[in-house]
Amino acid sequence: MASLTAAELSPSGYADHFAREHLPPADQWPEFLFDLPELRYPERLNCVAELLDAAVARGEGGRTAVIGEHETLTYAQLLARVDSFAHVLREDMGLVTGNRVMLRGANNPAMAAAVLAVLKAGCIAVPTMPLLRGRELATIIDKARVDAVLCAQSLRAEIDAAIESADPGNVRRGTVFFNDPGNEGSLEALAARHKAPFAACDSAADDVCLISFTSGTTGVPKGTMHFHRDVLAICDCFPRHTLGSQPDDIFIGTPPLAFTFGLGGLLLFPLRIGAAGVLLEKLTPETLLASIEKYRATICFTAPTFYRQMAPLAGKYDLSSLRETVSAGEALPLPTRDAWQAATGLDMIDGIGATEILHIFISAAGADIRPGATGKPVPGYQACVLDAQGRPAAPGVVGRLAVKGPTGCRYLADERQLNYVVDGWNLTGDAYEMDADGYFYYRSRTDDMIISAGYNIAGAEVEDVLLRHPAVAECGVVGCPDEERGQVVEAHVVLKAGFAASPEMALELQNFVKAGIAPYKYPRSVKFADKLPRTETGKLQRFKLRNP
């Protein structure tokens, strides 16, 4: 794949040009829109300087920035933490601008400060979900050629396994652990030696600062590359125009900071307006409701599954502080919307986003909400439905959802760029229908991605693990409709001779998958078969597994 030349972008502020050299060529980029005045950013831009340093410079240093279970940081305290972490990255670890840093941690102030420090130091953040296993992490390390790792001590086992199996030339700058009291080499201990402010890297607005990985339908992860300007753009579109965020808001929710849904909703959005984000680990429906009451949260971000589970419990808690609740990550069923509104009096904001586009691009709030519809394009974005010939379809026609705006897909050295971006449009893999008033209605996925409780799961990846089990001859994995989770992973398995189908065998296979990849990907349904439906050329016919 040809590379985009530096002459077509602003002069980079980075010494390591790996990211620019692995962007897709310019003719494969989507069309970018910067029609809104707030989206016209200067050529030189460091997003953390705008989000954090500028807030303190405006006199907001005493305002609460992030709230964790064990500590709360003001803007000034968060800035000091970020600066000290940035000194560790550049001085103690020897990283140079443009190097990639993998981040591993649950939602807490240390993880937030680590992400911001990587960006401010001019390095590129590669956040990873806490549930990923060593095998999955090694793939990401190798694809992004990760130079160093910042990891929570509690997640050490999987990162050690990942580094051991990754290419030996990667992670050459080492691993530093945080939330690791008593360790003289921990991130916090090293940072304690650095008291001076850290000058933000003189990065270009179009320097890559974030590589977020998403699973593709083939099971091979795709790295999506986002610029410093993209980080600000998502803050200046949905939260500003649809959500109506205010400086006195307190954001709370469940998505991990490694998800762009969580990174935006719980950290970037509040920082952009001088508000606060609550960062808590391992939330359940009950503890999220209790935390909304405890911290007097005003805006909640989570998936429909959580709202569905919280609705019957809501009456036990004081949720009077809540003014907006945002649902994304999977389609919002109308019964879930109705149950939540009946329980809380709140009309939920639905939204669709994508890792490739960074955050929500179709949504609606307040009087603009139309139950059953996701909404209309967020200001700054355009969307349409494409028919089978790739032309904009008339209202009432189901087709492929296409979107463009200030953010869009730029895969890291991946030929699948050609499938996602067509004629300047980002094709999200969703089938939608638009009505005569311009509202968009979700109908289904157009690919083999399984979306379960807000998680994207590639069936091929689960198949790869199952096929490693000595009892499995062949298998096919699909999504099965489920009222609770939207979809669940369903495995159709053909056993080898000498192995018998049984509930015990199904449980053994489920546990085998849990041990091999992130536990949320395991098949909740296992069906045994004598053979799988295939074409004459041997290709698995997944549609027959979905609709036997």
Protein backbone atom coordinates (compact mmCIF):
# COMPACT_ATOMS: atom_id res chain seq x y z
CA MET A 1 0.00 0.00 0.00
CA ALA A 2 1.38 3.38 -1.01
CA SER A 3 1.93 5.95 1.73
CA LEU A 4 0.63 9.46 2.00
CA THR A 5 3.57 11.81 1.53
CA ALA A 6 4.46 14.35 4.16
CA ALA A 7 4.02 17.11 1.57
CA GLU A 8 0.25 16.46 1.59
CA LEU A 9 0.01 17.09 5.34
CA SER A 10 1.22 19.83 7.65
CA PRO A 11 4.86 19.53 8.76
CA SER A 12 4.90 16.88 11.47
CA GLY A 13 6.08 17.60 14.99
CA TYR A 14 7.24 13.99 15.36
CA ALA A 15 10.70 12.44 15.11
CA ASP A 16 9.30 8.95 14.48
CA HIS A 17 7.30 8.95 11.23
CA PHE A 18 5.87 5.43 11.49
CA ALA A 19 2.28 6.64 11.74
CA ARG A 20 2.43 8.97 8.74
CA GLU A 21 4.21 6.36 6.67
CA HIS A 22 1.41 3.87 7.36
CA LEU A 23 -1.59 6.09 6.69
CA PRO A 24 -3.66 5.07 3.69
CA PRO A 25 -3.00 7.04 0.50
CA ALA A 26 -4.90 10.31 0.22
CA ASP A 27 -7.21 9.06 -2.53
CA GLN A 28 -8.53 6.39 -0.13
CA TRP A 29 -9.46 8.86 2.61
CA PRO A 30 -13.06 9.86 3.19
CA GLU A 31 -14.10 13.42 2.46
CA PHE A 32 -13.65 15.53 5.60
CA LEU A 33 -16.06 18.34 6.43
CA PHE A 34 -15.11 21.40 8.48
CA ASP A 35 -18.14 23.59 7.81
CA LEU A 36 -18.76 24.53 11.45
CA PRO A 37 -16.60 27.47 12.59
CA GLU A 38 -15.56 25.61 15.76
CA LEU A 39 -13.98 22.87 13.61
CA ARG A 40 -11.43 25.14 11.95
CA TYR A 41 -8.40 24.37 14.07
CA PRO A 42 -4.93 25.91 13.80
CA GLU A 43 -2.24 24.04 11.90
CA ARG A 44 -0.19 23.45 15.07
CA LEU A 45 -2.24 21.75 17.75
CA ASN A 46 -1.76 19.50 20.77
CA CYS A 47 -5.17 18.33 21.93
CA VAL A 48 -4.17 17.94 25.60
CA ALA A 49 -2.81 21.48 25.72
CA GLU A 50 -6.25 22.61 24.56
CA LEU A 51 -8.18 20.33 26.89
CA LEU A 52 -6.14 20.73 30.06
CA ASP A 53 -3.47 23.43 29.98
CA ALA A 54 -5.91 25.95 28.50
CA ALA A 55 -8.46 25.25 31.24
CA VAL A 56 -5.92 25.95 33.98
CA ALA A 57 -4.72 29.05 32.13
CA ARG A 58 -8.33 30.30 32.13
CA GLY A 59 -8.37 30.09 35.91
CA GLU A 60 -10.27 26.79 36.16
CA GLY A 61 -7.51 24.90 37.95
CA GLY A 62 -9.59 24.53 41.11
CA ARG A 63 -12.52 22.85 39.37
CA THR A 64 -12.98 19.10 39.70
CA ALA A 65 -11.73 17.24 36.63
CA VAL A 66 -11.82 13.49 37.39
CA ILE A 67 -13.39 11.56 40.24
CA GLY A 68 -12.20 8.07 41.12
CA GLU A 69 -13.10 5.64 43.86
CA HIS A 70 -10.03 6.57 45.90
CA GLU A 71 -9.12 10.08 44.72
CA THR A 72 -10.51 13.19 43.11
CA LEU A 73 -8.31 15.48 41.02
CA THR A 74 -8.84 19.12 40.16
CA TYR A 75 -7.80 20.44 36.77
CA ALA A 76 -4.56 21.76 38.28
CA GLN A 77 -3.83 18.44 40.00
CA LEU A 78 -4.61 16.46 36.86
CA LEU A 79 -2.33 18.76 34.85
CA ALA A 80 0.51 18.20 37.33
CA ARG A 81 -0.05 14.43 37.18
CA VAL A 82 -0.08 14.43 33.38
CA ASP A 83 3.07 16.56 33.21
CA SER A 84 4.98 14.30 35.58
CA PHE A 85 3.90 11.20 33.62
CA ALA A 86 4.99 12.89 30.37
CA HIS A 87 8.45 13.53 31.85
CA VAL A 88 8.71 9.81 32.66
CA LEU A 89 7.80 8.89 29.08
CA ARG A 90 10.31 11.18 27.45
CA GLU A 91 13.15 11.21 30.00
CA ASP A 92 13.04 8.00 32.03
CA MET A 93 11.76 5.73 29.27
CA GLY A 94 13.60 7.52 26.45
CA LEU A 95 10.63 7.75 24.09
CA VAL A 96 10.70 10.16 21.18
CA THR A 97 7.77 11.92 19.57
CA GLY A 98 5.75 9.65 17.31
CA ASN A 99 6.54 6.49 19.30
CA ARG A 100 3.56 4.25 20.11
CA VAL A 101 2.59 3.52 23.72
CA MET A 102 0.15 0.75 24.58
CA LEU A 103 -2.08 1.55 27.55
CA ARG A 104 -3.67 -1.08 29.81
CA GLY A 105 -5.92 -0.13 32.66
CA ALA A 106 -9.46 0.08 33.94
CA ASN A 107 -11.32 3.37 34.36
CA ASN A 108 -9.55 5.35 37.06
CA PRO A 109 -7.64 8.66 37.37
CA ALA A 110 -4.24 7.02 36.78
CA MET A 111 -5.36 5.54 33.47
CA ALA A 112 -6.85 8.88 32.43
CA ALA A 113 -3.65 10.76 33.29
CA ALA A 114 -1.55 8.17 31.46
CA VAL A 115 -3.57 8.53 28.24
CA LEU A 116 -3.36 12.32 28.37
CA ALA A 117 0.36 12.22 29.14
CA VAL A 118 1.08 10.09 26.09
CA LEU A 119 -0.74 12.57 23.84
CA LYS A 120 0.81 15.64 25.45
CA ALA A 121 4.30 14.15 25.14
CA GLY A 122 3.79 13.79 21.40
CA CYS A 123 3.57 10.01 21.50
CA ILE A 124 0.71 7.96 20.09
CA ALA A 125 -1.70 6.24 22.47
CA VAL A 126 -2.75 2.65 21.73
CA PRO A 127 -5.42 1.94 24.38
CA THR A 128 -6.47 -1.67 24.92
CA MET A 129 -9.46 -3.13 26.70
CA PRO A 130 -8.71 -4.66 30.11
CA LEU A 131 -10.34 -7.97 29.16
CA LEU A 132 -8.06 -8.72 26.21
CA ARG A 133 -5.75 -11.72 26.52
CA GLY A 134 -2.05 -11.96 25.75
CA ARG A 135 -2.59 -13.46 22.31
CA GLU A 136 -4.86 -10.59 21.27
CA LEU A 137 -2.52 -7.98 22.73
CA ALA A 138 0.49 -9.41 20.92
CA THR A 139 -1.29 -8.91 17.59
CA ILE A 140 -1.89 -5.24 18.44
CA ILE A 141 1.71 -4.77 19.62
CA ASP A 142 3.04 -6.12 16.35
CA LYS A 143 0.64 -4.26 14.08
CA ALA A 144 1.23 -0.87 15.76
CA ARG A 145 4.89 -1.64 16.45
CA VAL A 146 4.41 -0.55 20.01
CA ASP A 147 7.53 0.99 21.57
CA ALA A 148 6.49 0.94 25.24
CA VAL A 149 3.67 -0.10 27.54
CA LEU A 150 1.99 1.62 30.49
CA CYS A 151 0.00 -1.02 32.34
CA ALA A 152 -1.94 -1.33 35.57
CA GLN A 153 -0.23 -3.77 37.90
CA SER A 154 -3.46 -5.80 38.16
CA LEU A 155 -3.28 -6.56 34.42
CA ARG A 156 0.38 -7.60 34.38
CA ALA A 157 -0.08 -11.29 33.59
CA GLU A 158 -1.60 -10.79 30.17
CA ILE A 159 0.84 -8.06 29.14
CA ASP A 160 3.80 -10.23 30.14
CA ALA A 161 2.37 -13.02 27.98
CA ALA A 162 1.78 -10.62 25.10
CA ILE A 163 5.32 -9.25 25.12
CA GLU A 164 6.75 -12.74 25.27
CA SER A 165 4.92 -13.78 22.09
CA ALA A 166 5.19 -10.45 20.20
CA ASP A 167 7.98 -9.72 17.75
CA PRO A 168 11.20 -9.15 19.72
CA GLY A 169 11.86 -5.75 18.12
CA ASN A 170 8.78 -4.23 19.75
CA VAL A 171 8.34 -2.76 23.27
CA ARG A 172 12.04 -1.93 23.21
CA ARG A 173 11.48 0.99 25.60
CA GLY A 174 10.03 -1.32 28.21
CA THR A 175 6.94 -1.57 30.40
CA VAL A 176 6.12 0.62 33.37
CA PHE A 177 3.29 -0.30 35.75
CA PHE A 178 0.94 2.08 37.51
CA ASN A 179 -1.42 1.67 40.47
CA ASP A 180 1.48 -0.31 41.90
CA PRO A 181 2.19 0.97 45.44
CA GLY A 182 5.52 0.03 46.96
CA ASN A 183 7.23 -0.44 43.59
CA GLU A 184 10.11 2.03 43.22
CA GLY A 185 9.95 1.59 39.46
CA SER A 186 6.22 2.30 39.18
CA LEU A 187 4.91 5.13 37.05
CA GLU A 188 3.86 7.07 40.13
CA ALA A 189 7.23 6.59 41.86
CA LEU A 190 9.15 7.71 38.79
CA ALA A 191 6.78 10.65 38.29
CA ALA A 192 7.33 11.85 41.86
CA ARG A 193 10.85 12.92 40.83
CA HIS A 194 9.48 15.32 38.21
CA LYS A 195 7.95 18.53 39.54
CA ALA A 196 8.45 20.86 36.59
CA PRO A 197 5.71 21.60 34.06
CA PHE A 198 5.95 19.75 30.76
CA ALA A 199 5.72 21.77 27.55
CA ALA A 200 3.24 20.10 25.19
CA CYS A 201 4.73 18.69 22.00
CA ASP A 202 4.58 21.10 19.07
CA SER A 203 2.48 18.66 17.09
CA ALA A 204 0.59 19.29 13.88
CA ALA A 205 -3.19 19.23 14.00
CA ASP A 206 -2.96 16.29 11.59
CA ASP A 207 -0.32 14.34 13.49
CA VAL A 208 -1.68 10.96 14.62
CA CYS A 209 -2.19 10.84 18.39
CA LEU A 210 -4.44 7.81 18.80
CA ILE A 211 -4.56 4.32 17.29
CA SER A 212 -7.75 2.58 18.39
CA PHE A 213 -8.18 -1.05 17.46
CA THR A 214 -11.45 -2.62 16.45
CA SER A 215 -12.12 -6.21 15.43
CA GLY A 216 -12.99 -6.81 11.81
CA THR A 217 -15.25 -9.53 10.49
CA THR A 218 -12.16 -11.56 9.63
CA GLY A 219 -11.05 -11.47 13.24
CA VAL A 220 -7.88 -9.56 12.34
CA PRO A 221 -7.89 -6.29 14.33
CA LYS A 222 -7.88 -3.00 12.47
CA GLY A 223 -6.06 0.01 13.86
CA THR A 224 -7.92 3.27 13.28
CA MET A 225 -5.67 6.33 13.24
CA HIS A 226 -6.92 9.64 14.62
CA PHE A 227 -5.32 13.09 14.64
CA HIS A 228 -5.05 15.71 17.38
CA ARG A 229 -7.74 17.70 15.57
CA ASP A 230 -10.04 14.65 15.60
CA VAL A 231 -9.94 14.48 19.39
CA LEU A 232 -11.21 18.06 19.59
CA ALA A 233 -13.70 17.59 16.75
CA ILE A 234 -15.68 14.91 18.58
CA CYS A 235 -15.79 17.23 21.60
CA ASP A 236 -17.11 20.12 19.48
CA CYS A 237 -19.89 18.18 17.71
CA PHE A 238 -22.09 15.71 19.64
CA PRO A 239 -21.61 17.01 23.23
CA ARG A 240 -21.89 20.62 22.17
CA HIS A 241 -24.79 20.50 19.72
CA THR A 242 -26.81 17.42 20.73
CA LEU A 243 -26.01 16.67 24.35
CA GLY A 244 -25.81 20.34 25.37
CA SER A 245 -23.01 19.75 27.90
CA GLN A 246 -22.42 22.38 30.59
CA PRO A 247 -19.44 23.11 32.88
CA ASP A 248 -21.41 21.97 35.94
CA ASP A 249 -22.12 18.52 34.42
CA ILE A 250 -20.79 15.36 36.03
CA PHE A 251 -20.34 12.54 33.49
CA ILE A 252 -20.54 8.88 34.51
CA GLY A 253 -20.85 5.54 32.73
CA THR A 254 -19.53 2.09 31.97
CA PRO A 255 -17.57 2.10 28.68
CA PRO A 256 -13.81 1.60 29.18
CA LEU A 257 -11.46 4.44 28.32
CA ALA A 258 -10.00 2.02 25.76
CA PHE A 259 -13.29 2.30 23.84
CA THR A 260 -13.60 5.55 21.94
CA PHE A 261 -17.17 5.67 23.34
CA GLY A 262 -15.76 5.79 26.87
CA LEU A 263 -12.71 7.92 26.08
CA GLY A 264 -14.94 10.62 24.66
CA GLY A 265 -17.91 10.37 26.99
CA LEU A 266 -16.08 10.03 30.29
CA LEU A 267 -12.84 11.98 29.77
CA LEU A 268 -12.55 14.14 26.65
CA PHE A 269 -16.05 15.63 26.61
CA PRO A 270 -16.03 16.82 30.23
CA LEU A 271 -12.51 18.23 29.93
CA ARG A 272 -13.46 20.24 26.84
CA ILE A 273 -16.09 22.23 28.75
CA GLY A 274 -14.56 22.32 32.23
CA ALA A 275 -16.85 19.63 33.64
CA ALA A 276 -16.01 16.47 35.62
CA GLY A 277 -15.87 12.76 34.76
CA VAL A 278 -16.43 9.90 37.21
CA LEU A 279 -14.10 6.99 36.46
CA LEU A 280 -15.02 3.75 38.22
CA GLU A 281 -13.99 0.13 37.67
CA LYS A 282 -16.17 -2.96 37.29
CA LEU A 283 -19.58 -1.34 37.44
CA THR A 284 -22.77 -3.41 37.63
CA PRO A 285 -26.28 -2.04 37.03
CA GLU A 286 -26.72 -1.72 40.79
CA THR A 287 -23.38 -0.03 41.46
CA LEU A 288 -23.83 2.35 38.52
CA LEU A 289 -27.18 3.47 39.92
CA ALA A 290 -25.65 3.83 43.40
CA SER A 291 -22.77 5.84 41.95
CA ILE A 292 -25.12 8.19 40.09
CA GLU A 293 -26.77 8.87 43.44
CA LYS A 294 -23.46 9.18 45.32
CA TYR A 295 -21.69 11.53 42.90
CA ARG A 296 -24.84 13.40 41.78
CA ALA A 297 -24.03 12.61 38.18
CA THR A 298 -25.91 14.54 35.51
CA ILE A 299 -25.02 12.63 32.32
CA CYS A 300 -24.72 8.86 31.95
CA PHE A 301 -23.15 6.90 29.08
CA THR A 302 -23.76 3.16 28.76
CA ALA A 303 -25.14 0.48 26.44
CA PRO A 304 -28.83 -0.50 26.13
CA THR A 305 -28.15 -3.73 28.03
CA PHE A 306 -27.31 -1.73 31.16
CA TYR A 307 -30.35 0.54 30.84
CA ARG A 308 -32.54 -2.53 30.40
CA GLN A 309 -31.12 -4.03 33.60
CA MET A 310 -31.21 -0.74 35.54
CA ALA A 311 -34.82 0.18 34.73
CA PRO A 312 -36.51 -2.16 37.26
CA LEU A 313 -33.97 -1.10 39.94
CA ALA A 314 -34.10 2.66 39.35
CA GLY A 315 -36.81 3.31 41.94
CA LYS A 316 -34.46 2.27 44.75
CA TYR A 317 -32.05 5.17 44.09
CA ASP A 318 -32.13 8.95 44.04
CA LEU A 319 -31.49 9.74 40.37
CA SER A 320 -32.81 13.29 40.54
CA SER A 321 -29.43 14.71 39.49
CA LEU A 322 -29.58 12.99 36.08
CA ARG A 323 -30.62 15.22 33.20
CA GLU A 324 -29.43 13.20 30.18
CA THR A 325 -28.74 9.52 29.54
CA VAL A 326 -26.93 8.43 26.38
CA SER A 327 -27.22 4.98 24.81
CA ALA A 328 -24.76 3.71 22.21
CA GLY A 329 -22.69 0.64 21.39
CA GLU A 330 -25.62 -1.35 20.01
CA ALA A 331 -29.12 -0.75 18.69
CA LEU A 332 -31.54 0.63 21.29
CA PRO A 333 -34.71 -1.51 21.44
CA LEU A 334 -37.90 0.50 21.82
CA PRO A 335 -39.01 -1.52 24.91
CA THR A 336 -35.74 -0.57 26.63
CA ARG A 337 -36.28 3.12 25.85
CA ASP A 338 -39.85 2.92 27.15
CA ALA A 339 -38.90 1.03 30.32
CA TRP A 340 -36.15 3.55 31.17
CA GLN A 341 -38.43 6.52 30.57
CA ALA A 342 -41.17 4.97 32.70
CA ALA A 343 -38.69 4.32 35.51
CA THR A 344 -36.88 7.68 35.46
CA GLY A 345 -38.93 10.15 33.43
CA LEU A 346 -35.89 10.63 31.15
CA ASP A 347 -36.17 10.42 27.37
CA MET A 348 -33.00 8.60 26.38
CA ILE A 349 -30.57 9.99 23.81
CA ASP A 350 -29.75 7.23 21.33
CA GLY A 351 -26.65 7.44 19.17
CA ILE A 352 -24.54 5.52 16.70
CA GLY A 353 -20.79 5.91 16.52
CA ALA A 354 -17.87 3.88 15.22
CA THR A 355 -14.25 3.45 16.20
CA GLU A 356 -13.38 4.48 12.64
CA ILE A 357 -15.26 7.78 13.06
CA LEU A 358 -14.26 8.10 16.72
CA HIS A 359 -17.63 8.88 18.32
CA ILE A 360 -21.35 9.49 17.83
CA PHE A 361 -22.40 10.95 14.46
CA ILE A 362 -26.18 10.31 14.36
CA SER A 363 -28.34 11.12 17.38
CA ALA A 364 -31.19 13.24 18.71
CA ALA A 365 -32.10 14.86 22.03
CA GLY A 366 -35.07 16.52 23.67
CA ALA A 367 -37.94 17.44 21.38
CA ASP A 368 -36.01 16.07 18.38
CA ILE A 369 -36.17 12.49 19.69
CA ARG A 370 -38.33 10.16 17.62
CA PRO A 371 -38.76 6.79 19.38
CA GLY A 372 -37.53 3.95 17.21
CA ALA A 373 -35.13 6.18 15.29
CA THR A 374 -31.47 6.66 16.09
CA GLY A 375 -31.86 10.31 15.09
CA LYS A 376 -30.42 12.70 12.52
CA PRO A 377 -26.81 13.50 11.63
CA VAL A 378 -25.07 15.39 14.43
CA PRO A 379 -24.14 18.94 13.35
CA GLY A 380 -20.79 18.69 11.57
CA TYR A 381 -21.72 15.37 9.91
CA GLN A 382 -23.71 14.26 6.87
CA ALA A 383 -25.29 10.86 6.34
CA CYS A 384 -27.29 9.01 3.73
CA VAL A 385 -28.48 5.49 2.88
CA LEU A 386 -26.89 3.93 -0.21
CA ASP A 387 -28.84 1.49 -2.38
CA ALA A 388 -27.47 -1.66 -4.03
CA GLN A 389 -25.93 0.46 -6.80
CA GLY A 390 -24.14 2.72 -4.31
CA ARG A 391 -26.43 5.69 -4.93
CA PRO A 392 -28.24 7.72 -2.25
CA ALA A 393 -31.54 5.95 -1.67
CA ALA A 394 -34.98 7.48 -1.37
CA PRO A 395 -36.77 7.55 1.98
CA GLY A 396 -38.12 4.17 3.03
CA VAL A 397 -35.38 2.15 1.31
CA VAL A 398 -33.12 -0.04 3.46
CA GLY A 399 -29.48 0.20 2.45
CA ARG A 400 -25.93 0.80 3.63
CA LEU A 401 -25.39 3.67 6.07
CA ALA A 402 -22.84 6.18 4.75
CA VAL A 403 -21.44 9.10 6.75
CA LYS A 404 -18.87 11.87 6.46
CA GLY A 405 -17.78 14.71 8.74
CA PRO A 406 -14.70 16.13 10.49
CA THR A 407 -13.56 12.61 11.50
CA GLY A 408 -13.35 9.44 9.45
CA CYS A 409 -11.64 6.17 8.70
CA ARG A 410 -7.88 5.96 8.23
CA TYR A 411 -6.78 2.38 8.86
CA LEU A 412 -3.23 1.56 9.85
CA ALA A 413 -1.69 -0.13 6.78
CA ASP A 414 -4.82 -2.13 6.01
CA GLU A 415 -6.33 -2.94 2.62
CA ARG A 416 -9.78 -2.99 4.25
CA GLN A 417 -9.65 0.80 3.92
CA LEU A 418 -10.98 0.21 0.39
CA ASN A 419 -14.09 -1.48 1.80
CA TYR A 420 -14.83 1.08 4.50
CA VAL A 421 -14.38 4.25 2.43
CA VAL A 422 -16.19 4.45 -0.92
CA ASP A 423 -16.57 7.63 -2.96
CA GLY A 424 -15.67 9.76 0.04
CA TRP A 425 -18.22 8.14 2.35
CA ASN A 426 -17.51 6.02 5.45
CA LEU A 427 -19.55 2.80 5.22
CA THR A 428 -20.16 1.65 8.78
CA GLY A 429 -21.42 -1.87 8.07
CA ASP A 430 -24.94 -1.01 9.27
CA ALA A 431 -28.16 -1.32 7.31
CA TYR A 432 -30.38 1.72 7.86
CA GLU A 433 -33.54 3.27 6.54
CA MET A 434 -34.22 7.02 6.39
CA ASP A 435 -37.71 8.48 6.57
CA ALA A 436 -39.05 11.51 4.73
CA ASP A 437 -38.09 13.79 7.65
CA GLY A 438 -34.43 12.74 7.60
CA TYR A 439 -34.55 10.42 10.62
CA PHE A 440 -32.39 7.29 10.46
CA TYR A 441 -33.71 3.89 11.61
CA TYR A 442 -31.38 0.96 12.34
CA ARG A 443 -32.32 -2.31 10.63
CA SER A 444 -29.36 -4.71 10.94
CA ARG A 445 -25.65 -5.23 10.40
CA THR A 446 -24.46 -5.71 6.83
CA ASP A 447 -21.45 -7.82 7.81
CA ASP A 448 -20.73 -10.75 10.09
CA MET A 449 -19.90 -8.65 13.14
CA ILE A 450 -21.70 -9.74 16.29
CA ILE A 451 -22.72 -6.90 18.62
CA SER A 452 -23.48 -8.22 22.10
CA ALA A 453 -24.17 -5.91 25.03
CA GLY A 454 -22.26 -3.15 23.26
CA TYR A 455 -19.19 -5.27 22.45
CA ASN A 456 -18.10 -5.88 18.85
CA ILE A 457 -17.18 -9.55 18.41
CA ALA A 458 -15.79 -11.10 15.23
CA GLY A 459 -17.17 -14.59 14.74
CA ALA A 460 -14.03 -15.68 12.91
CA GLU A 461 -11.91 -14.89 15.96
CA VAL A 462 -14.06 -17.14 18.18
CA GLU A 463 -13.90 -19.87 15.53
CA ASP A 464 -10.11 -19.68 15.54
CA VAL A 465 -10.02 -20.40 19.28
CA LEU A 466 -12.58 -23.20 19.13
CA LEU A 467 -10.64 -24.93 16.38
CA ARG A 468 -7.67 -25.19 18.73
CA HIS A 469 -9.65 -27.49 21.04
CA PRO A 470 -8.78 -31.17 20.43
CA ALA A 471 -12.46 -32.17 20.18
CA VAL A 472 -13.48 -29.67 17.48
CA ALA A 473 -13.40 -30.72 13.84
CA GLU A 474 -15.02 -27.60 12.42
CA CYS A 475 -17.21 -24.77 13.63
CA GLY A 476 -19.14 -21.68 12.61
CA VAL A 477 -19.90 -18.74 14.88
CA VAL A 478 -22.74 -16.30 14.33
CA GLY A 479 -24.82 -13.81 16.28
CA CYS A 480 -28.15 -15.00 17.63
CA PRO A 481 -30.89 -12.45 18.51
CA ASP A 482 -31.27 -12.01 22.25
CA GLU A 483 -33.72 -9.80 24.13
CA GLU A 484 -31.25 -9.07 26.93
CA ARG A 485 -28.02 -8.42 24.98
CA GLY A 486 -29.20 -7.61 21.48
CA GLN A 487 -27.21 -10.59 20.20
CA VAL A 488 -25.30 -13.44 21.79
CA VAL A 489 -22.44 -15.45 20.31
CA GLU A 490 -23.67 -18.81 19.06
CA ALA A 491 -21.22 -21.56 18.05
CA HIS A 492 -22.20 -24.39 15.73
CA VAL A 493 -19.70 -27.19 16.32
CA VAL A 494 -18.87 -30.44 14.57
CA LEU A 495 -16.97 -32.77 16.91
CA LYS A 496 -14.19 -35.13 15.94
CA ALA A 497 -14.72 -38.90 16.09
CA GLY A 498 -14.52 -40.19 19.62
CA PHE A 499 -16.10 -37.09 21.21
CA ALA A 500 -19.75 -36.89 22.19
CA ALA A 501 -22.05 -33.89 22.22
CA SER A 502 -23.26 -33.09 25.73
CA PRO A 503 -23.89 -30.17 28.09
CA GLU A 504 -20.53 -30.95 29.68
CA MET A 505 -18.76 -30.69 26.32
CA ALA A 506 -20.54 -27.38 25.63
CA LEU A 507 -19.34 -26.00 28.97
CA GLU A 508 -15.80 -27.23 28.30
CA LEU A 509 -15.75 -25.39 24.97
CA GLN A 510 -17.13 -22.23 26.53
CA ASN A 511 -14.44 -22.24 29.21
CA PHE A 512 -11.79 -22.95 26.58
CA VAL A 513 -12.77 -19.82 24.66
CA LYS A 514 -12.85 -17.74 27.86
CA ALA A 515 -9.28 -18.81 28.59
CA GLY A 516 -8.05 -17.98 25.10
CA ILE A 517 -9.57 -14.58 24.36
CA ALA A 518 -11.55 -11.88 26.15
CA PRO A 519 -14.27 -13.63 28.19
CA TYR A 520 -17.12 -11.53 26.74
CA LYS A 521 -16.48 -13.20 23.36
CA TYR A 522 -17.32 -16.72 24.52
CA PRO A 523 -20.29 -18.52 22.90
CA ARG A 524 -23.25 -18.34 25.24
CA SER A 525 -24.98 -20.83 22.98
CA VAL A 526 -23.29 -23.99 21.69
CA LYS A 527 -25.08 -26.17 19.16
CA PHE A 528 -23.65 -29.45 17.93
CA ALA A 529 -24.10 -30.59 14.33
CA ASP A 530 -23.05 -33.47 12.09
CA LYS A 531 -21.93 -31.01 9.37
CA LEU A 532 -21.99 -27.31 8.56
CA PRO A 533 -23.62 -25.71 5.50
CA ARG A 534 -21.03 -24.84 2.87
CA THR A 535 -20.91 -23.71 -0.74
CA GLU A 536 -19.50 -25.92 -3.49
CA THR A 537 -16.19 -24.15 -3.03
CA GLY A 538 -16.21 -24.93 0.69
CA LYS A 539 -17.15 -21.45 1.99
CA LEU A 540 -19.18 -21.52 5.20
CA GLN A 541 -22.73 -20.26 4.68
CA ARG A 542 -23.23 -18.32 7.90
CA PHE A 543 -26.63 -17.06 6.83
CA LYS A 544 -27.90 -20.64 7.04
CA LEU A 545 -26.61 -20.90 10.60
CA ARG A 546 -28.47 -17.71 11.49
CA ASN A 547 -31.65 -18.88 9.77
CA PRO A 548 -31.70 -22.68 9.78
